[in-house]
C-alpha atoms as a PDB file:
ATOM      1  CA  UNK A   1    -144.319  54.012-189.630  1.00  0.00           C
ATOM      2  CA  UNK A   2    -143.694  57.749-189.822  1.00  0.00           C
ATOM      3  CA  UNK A   3    -142.329  59.835-186.999  1.00  0.00           C
ATOM      4  CA  UNK A   4    -144.099  63.129-187.412  1.00  0.00           C
ATOM      5  CA  UNK A   5    -143.729  65.761-184.766  1.00  0.00           C
ATOM      6  CA  UNK A   6    -144.132  69.470-185.506  1.00  0.00           C
ATOM      7  CA  UNK A   7    -140.588  70.286-184.399  1.00  0.00           C
ATOM      8  CA  UNK A   8    -138.965  67.424-186.296  1.00  0.00           C
ATOM      9  CA  UNK A   9    -140.927  68.245-189.436  1.00  0.00           C
ATOM     10  CA  UNK A  10    -140.102  71.943-189.256  1.00  0.00           C
ATOM     11  CA  UNK A  11    -136.407  71.202-188.695  1.00  0.00           C
ATOM     12  CA  UNK A  12    -136.232  68.844-191.680  1.00  0.00           C
ATOM     13  CA  UNK A  13    -138.140  71.315-193.865  1.00  0.00           C
ATOM     14  CA  UNK A  14    -135.758  74.115-192.828  1.00  0.00           C
ATOM     15  CA  UNK A  15    -132.703  71.932-193.469  1.00  0.00           C
ATOM     16  CA  UNK A  16    -134.004  70.775-196.834  1.00  0.00           C
ATOM     17  CA  UNK A  17    -134.871  74.315-197.876  1.00  0.00           C
ATOM     18  CA  UNK A  18    -131.465  75.662-196.871  1.00  0.00           C
ATOM     19  CA  UNK A  19    -129.691  72.770-198.572  1.00  0.00           C
ATOM     20  CA  UNK A  20    -131.688  73.348-201.744  1.00  0.00           C
ATOM     21  CA  UNK A  21    -130.859  77.053-201.725  1.00  0.00           C
ATOM     22  CA  UNK A  22    -127.168  76.424-201.093  1.00  0.00           C
ATOM     23  CA  UNK A  23    -126.801  73.584-203.552  1.00  0.00           C
ATOM     24  CA  UNK A  24    -129.747  73.875-205.913  1.00  0.00           C
ATOM     25  CA  UNK A  25    -129.605  72.061-209.208  1.00  0.00           C
ATOM     26  CA  UNK A  26    -129.020  74.436-212.061  1.00  0.00           C
ATOM     27  CA  UNK A  27    -128.196  74.023-215.703  1.00  0.00           C
ATOM     28  CA  UNK A  28    -124.515  74.063-214.665  1.00  0.00           C
ATOM     29  CA  UNK A  29    -125.059  71.144-212.347  1.00  0.00           C
ATOM     30  CA  UNK A  30    -126.717  69.131-215.081  1.00  0.00           C
ATOM     31  CA  UNK A  31    -123.766  69.812-217.368  1.00  0.00           C
ATOM     32  CA  UNK A  32    -121.367  68.579-214.678  1.00  0.00           C
ATOM     33  CA  UNK A  33    -123.129  65.177-214.504  1.00  0.00           C
ATOM     34  CA  UNK A  34    -124.504  64.564-218.015  1.00  0.00           C
ATOM     35  CA  UNK A  35    -124.518  60.758-217.819  1.00  0.00           C
ATOM     36  CA  UNK A  36    -126.334  60.372-214.493  1.00  0.00           C
ATOM     37  CA  UNK A  37    -129.607  58.547-215.008  1.00  0.00           C
ATOM     38  CA  UNK A  38    -132.568  58.855-212.596  1.00  0.00           C
ATOM     39  CA  UNK A  39    -132.191  55.247-211.404  1.00  0.00           C
ATOM     40  CA  UNK A  40    -128.536  55.887-210.561  1.00  0.00           C
ATOM     41  CA  UNK A  41    -129.283  59.126-208.696  1.00  0.00           C
ATOM     42  CA  UNK A  42    -132.026  57.407-206.699  1.00  0.00           C
ATOM     43  CA  UNK A  43    -129.893  54.361-205.911  1.00  0.00           C
ATOM     44  CA  UNK A  44    -126.831  56.379-204.860  1.00  0.00           C
ATOM     45  CA  UNK A  45    -128.680  58.553-202.364  1.00  0.00           C
ATOM     46  CA  UNK A  46    -130.674  55.633-200.934  1.00  0.00           C
ATOM     47  CA  UNK A  47    -127.543  53.492-200.577  1.00  0.00           C
ATOM     48  CA  UNK A  48    -125.676  56.298-198.815  1.00  0.00           C
ATOM     49  CA  UNK A  49    -128.500  57.061-196.363  1.00  0.00           C
ATOM     50  CA  UNK A  50    -129.033  53.338-195.660  1.00  0.00           C
ATOM     51  CA  UNK A  51    -125.287  52.780-195.097  1.00  0.00           C
ATOM     52  CA  UNK A  52    -125.194  55.779-192.749  1.00  0.00           C
ATOM     53  CA  UNK A  53    -128.111  54.633-190.615  1.00  0.00           C
ATOM     54  CA  UNK A  54    -126.839  51.033-190.543  1.00  0.00           C
ATOM     55  CA  UNK A  55    -123.441  52.272-189.303  1.00  0.00           C
ATOM     56  CA  UNK A  56    -125.099  54.286-186.528  1.00  0.00           C
ATOM     57  CA  UNK A  57    -127.330  51.442-185.389  1.00  0.00           C
ATOM     58  CA  UNK A  58    -130.692  51.723-183.695  1.00  0.00           C
ATOM     59  CA  UNK A  59    -134.165  51.613-185.177  1.00  0.00           C
ATOM     60  CA  UNK A  60    -134.420  53.951-188.180  1.00  0.00           C
ATOM     61  CA  UNK A  61    -137.653  54.526-190.075  1.00  0.00           C
ATOM     62  CA  UNK A  62    -137.819  55.915-193.608  1.00  0.00           C
ATOM     63  CA  UNK A  63    -140.067  58.952-194.003  1.00  0.00           C
ATOM     64  CA  UNK A  64    -141.266  57.429-197.278  1.00  0.00           C
ATOM     65  CA  UNK A  65    -140.766  53.926-198.589  1.00  0.00           C
ATOM     66  CA  UNK A  66    -138.419  55.089-201.348  1.00  0.00           C
ATOM     67  CA  UNK A  67    -136.552  58.310-202.143  1.00  0.00           C
ATOM     68  CA  UNK A  68    -138.938  61.127-203.116  1.00  0.00           C
ATOM     69  CA  UNK A  69    -138.728  62.491-206.663  1.00  0.00           C
ATOM     70  CA  UNK A  70    -138.168  66.226-207.025  1.00  0.00           C
ATOM     71  CA  UNK A  71    -137.326  68.741-209.699  1.00  0.00           C
ATOM     72  CA  UNK A  72    -133.995  70.473-210.123  1.00  0.00           C
ATOM     73  CA  UNK A  73    -135.546  73.802-211.038  1.00  0.00           C
ATOM     74  CA  UNK A  74    -134.880  76.633-208.628  1.00  0.00           C
ATOM     75  CA  UNK A  75    -137.400  79.282-207.598  1.00  0.00           C
ATOM     76  CA  UNK A  76    -136.671  81.204-210.815  1.00  0.00           C
ATOM     77  CA  UNK A  77    -137.496  78.210-212.990  1.00  0.00           C
ATOM     78  CA  UNK A  78    -133.839  77.709-213.904  1.00  0.00           C
ATOM     79  CA  UNK A  79    -132.312  74.270-214.205  1.00  0.00           C
ATOM     80  CA  UNK A  80    -133.463  70.973-215.545  1.00  0.00           C
ATOM     81  CA  UNK A  81    -133.692  67.358-214.578  1.00  0.00           C
ATOM     82  CA  UNK A  82    -134.809  65.470-211.481  1.00  0.00           C
ATOM     83  CA  UNK A  83    -133.369  64.670-208.068  1.00  0.00           C
ATOM     84  CA  UNK A  84    -134.288  62.396-205.183  1.00  0.00           C
ATOM     85  CA  UNK A  85    -134.490  63.037-201.447  1.00  0.00           C
ATOM     86  CA  UNK A  86    -134.432  60.256-198.862  1.00  0.00           C
ATOM     87  CA  UNK A  87    -134.953  60.779-195.123  1.00  0.00           C
ATOM     88  CA  UNK A  88    -134.709  58.340-192.230  1.00  0.00           C
ATOM     89  CA  UNK A  89    -135.317  59.064-188.529  1.00  0.00           C
ATOM     90  CA  UNK A  90    -134.883  57.392-185.189  1.00  0.00           C
ATOM     91  CA  UNK A  91    -136.741  58.483-182.088  1.00  0.00           C
ATOM     92  CA  UNK A  92    -133.900  57.713-179.701  1.00  0.00           C
ATOM     93  CA  UNK A  93    -130.628  59.588-179.553  1.00  0.00           C
ATOM     94  CA  UNK A  94    -127.297  58.042-180.125  1.00  0.00           C
ATOM     95  CA  UNK A  95    -124.111  59.577-178.786  1.00  0.00           C
ATOM     96  CA  UNK A  96    -124.036  62.683-181.007  1.00  0.00           C
ATOM     97  CA  UNK A  97    -120.250  63.173-180.960  1.00  0.00           C
ATOM     98  CA  UNK A  98    -119.599  59.461-181.594  1.00  0.00           C
ATOM     99  CA  UNK A  99    -122.237  59.363-184.346  1.00  0.00           C
ATOM    100  CA  UNK A 100    -120.795  62.415-186.073  1.00  0.00           C
ATOM    101  CA  UNK A 101    -117.251  61.020-185.896  1.00  0.00           C
ATOM    102  CA  UNK A 102    -118.463  57.689-187.307  1.00  0.00           C
ATOM    103  CA  UNK A 103    -120.340  59.372-190.170  1.00  0.00           C
ATOM    104  CA  UNK A 104    -117.425  61.699-190.846  1.00  0.00           C
ATOM    105  CA  UNK A 105    -115.175  58.656-191.416  1.00  0.00           C
ATOM    106  CA  UNK A 106    -117.815  56.859-193.513  1.00  0.00           C
ATOM    107  CA  UNK A 107    -118.685  59.848-195.672  1.00  0.00           C
ATOM    108  CA  UNK A 108    -115.058  60.895-196.204  1.00  0.00           C
ATOM    109  CA  UNK A 109    -114.213  57.303-197.216  1.00  0.00           C
ATOM    110  CA  UNK A 110    -116.865  57.703-199.924  1.00  0.00           C
ATOM    111  CA  UNK A 111    -115.283  60.946-201.169  1.00  0.00           C
ATOM    112  CA  UNK A 112    -117.639  63.414-199.476  1.00  0.00           C
ATOM    113  CA  UNK A 113    -116.458  66.675-197.964  1.00  0.00           C
ATOM    114  CA  UNK A 114    -117.941  67.045-194.482  1.00  0.00           C
ATOM    115  CA  UNK A 115    -118.766  70.007-192.275  1.00  0.00           C
ATOM    116  CA  UNK A 116    -120.052  69.921-188.704  1.00  0.00           C
ATOM    117  CA  UNK A 117    -122.615  72.445-187.514  1.00  0.00           C
ATOM    118  CA  UNK A 118    -123.695  73.702-184.101  1.00  0.00           C
ATOM    119  CA  UNK A 119    -126.688  75.213-182.401  1.00  0.00           C
ATOM    120  CA  UNK A 120    -126.532  78.810-181.191  1.00  0.00           C
ATOM    121  CA  UNK A 121    -124.819  77.726-177.963  1.00  0.00           C
ATOM    122  CA  UNK A 122    -121.752  76.009-179.413  1.00  0.00           C
ATOM    123  CA  UNK A 123    -123.131  72.480-179.096  1.00  0.00           C
ATOM    124  CA  UNK A 124    -122.421  70.271-182.118  1.00  0.00           C
ATOM    125  CA  UNK A 125    -125.728  68.971-183.363  1.00  0.00           C
ATOM    126  CA  UNK A 126    -125.045  67.678-186.821  1.00  0.00           C
ATOM    127  CA  UNK A 127    -122.958  67.396-189.929  1.00  0.00           C
ATOM    128  CA  UNK A 128    -123.438  67.640-193.657  1.00  0.00           C
ATOM    129  CA  UNK A 129    -121.542  66.136-196.539  1.00  0.00           C
ATOM    130  CA  UNK A 130    -121.234  66.831-200.246  1.00  0.00           C
ATOM    131  CA  UNK A 131    -119.625  64.834-203.005  1.00  0.00           C
ATOM    132  CA  UNK A 132    -120.053  62.343-205.809  1.00  0.00           C
ATOM    133  CA  UNK A 133    -122.443  60.074-203.889  1.00  0.00           C
ATOM    134  CA  UNK A 134    -124.859  62.894-202.939  1.00  0.00           C
ATOM    135  CA  UNK A 135    -125.325  66.552-203.617  1.00  0.00           C
ATOM    136  CA  UNK A 136    -125.920  66.894-199.884  1.00  0.00           C
ATOM    137  CA  UNK A 137    -126.412  64.505-196.971  1.00  0.00           C
ATOM    138  CA  UNK A 138    -127.073  65.621-193.415  1.00  0.00           C
ATOM    139  CA  UNK A 139    -127.111  64.053-189.996  1.00  0.00           C
ATOM    140  CA  UNK A 140    -129.115  66.083-187.515  1.00  0.00           C
ATOM    141  CA  UNK A 141    -129.571  65.420-183.798  1.00  0.00           C
ATOM    142  CA  UNK A 142    -132.356  67.287-181.983  1.00  0.00           C
ATOM    143  CA  UNK A 143    -134.350  66.867-178.791  1.00  0.00           C
ATOM    144  CA  UNK A 144    -136.761  64.286-180.163  1.00  0.00           C
ATOM    145  CA  UNK A 145    -134.337  62.116-182.115  1.00  0.00           C
ATOM    146  CA  UNK A 146    -131.907  61.930-184.990  1.00  0.00           C
ATOM    147  CA  UNK A 147    -132.318  62.098-188.764  1.00  0.00           C
ATOM    148  CA  UNK A 148    -130.262  61.411-191.867  1.00  0.00           C
ATOM    149  CA  UNK A 149    -131.423  63.178-195.022  1.00  0.00           C
ATOM    150  CA  UNK A 150    -129.829  62.855-198.449  1.00  0.00           C
ATOM    151  CA  UNK A 151    -130.484  64.615-201.757  1.00  0.00           C
ATOM    152  CA  UNK A 152    -129.085  63.240-205.002  1.00  0.00           C
ATOM    153  CA  UNK A 153    -127.393  65.093-207.775  1.00  0.00           C
ATOM    154  CA  UNK A 154    -129.611  66.114-210.660  1.00  0.00           C
ATOM    155  CA  UNK A 155    -130.201  63.495-213.317  1.00  0.00           C
ATOM    156  CA  UNK A 156    -131.626  63.575-216.813  1.00  0.00           C
ATOM    157  CA  UNK A 157    -135.399  63.330-216.780  1.00  0.00           C
ATOM    158  CA  UNK A 158    -138.641  65.241-216.999  1.00  0.00           C
ATOM    159  CA  UNK A 159    -140.228  65.599-213.568  1.00  0.00           C
ATOM    160  CA  UNK A 160    -143.814  65.930-214.825  1.00  0.00           C
ATOM    161  CA  UNK A 161    -143.563  62.968-217.193  1.00  0.00           C
ATOM    162  CA  UNK A 162    -141.972  60.806-214.511  1.00  0.00           C
ATOM    163  CA  UNK A 163    -144.689  61.680-211.976  1.00  0.00           C
ATOM    164  CA  UNK A 164    -147.389  60.907-214.529  1.00  0.00           C
ATOM    165  CA  UNK A 165    -145.791  57.483-215.144  1.00  0.00           C
ATOM    166  CA  UNK A 166    -145.676  56.871-211.384  1.00  0.00           C
ATOM    167  CA  UNK A 167    -141.873  56.925-211.191  1.00  0.00           C
ATOM    168  CA  UNK A 168    -141.862  58.686-207.867  1.00  0.00           C
END
């Protein structure tokens, strides 16, 4: 089942785009993680998102059955390798402050650096994390529900070849 509302989709697209611009995979990133294999990148991000949603409780639905394969090239065609993005949503809201505090503890225990973010009116509405387990992971709470979205670090691999082999 996919939760697909225009606002939720546009928010996730905006978050993903900003995260990609802020933390895009470049040749330097690949050099920092030369031994990471695609299976490991995929598994790490899926495990982290699943652990996060399990800790929060409620009924979470994955946007896609498995993490989505992507390329590490930026808009200038720089960079190499592949990455994975995994998104889960729940239609109901949890207690945003409690959920953020819980995820902050979980993510920091896994070595991620966390940062809360607010809407334009000073209301905390989410948090992101960065570290060894994920290039970026975000919890976002909006009017129509909550989401957890994670993007892996870049791994060795050719995006086109992997897509052609069905390794999405």
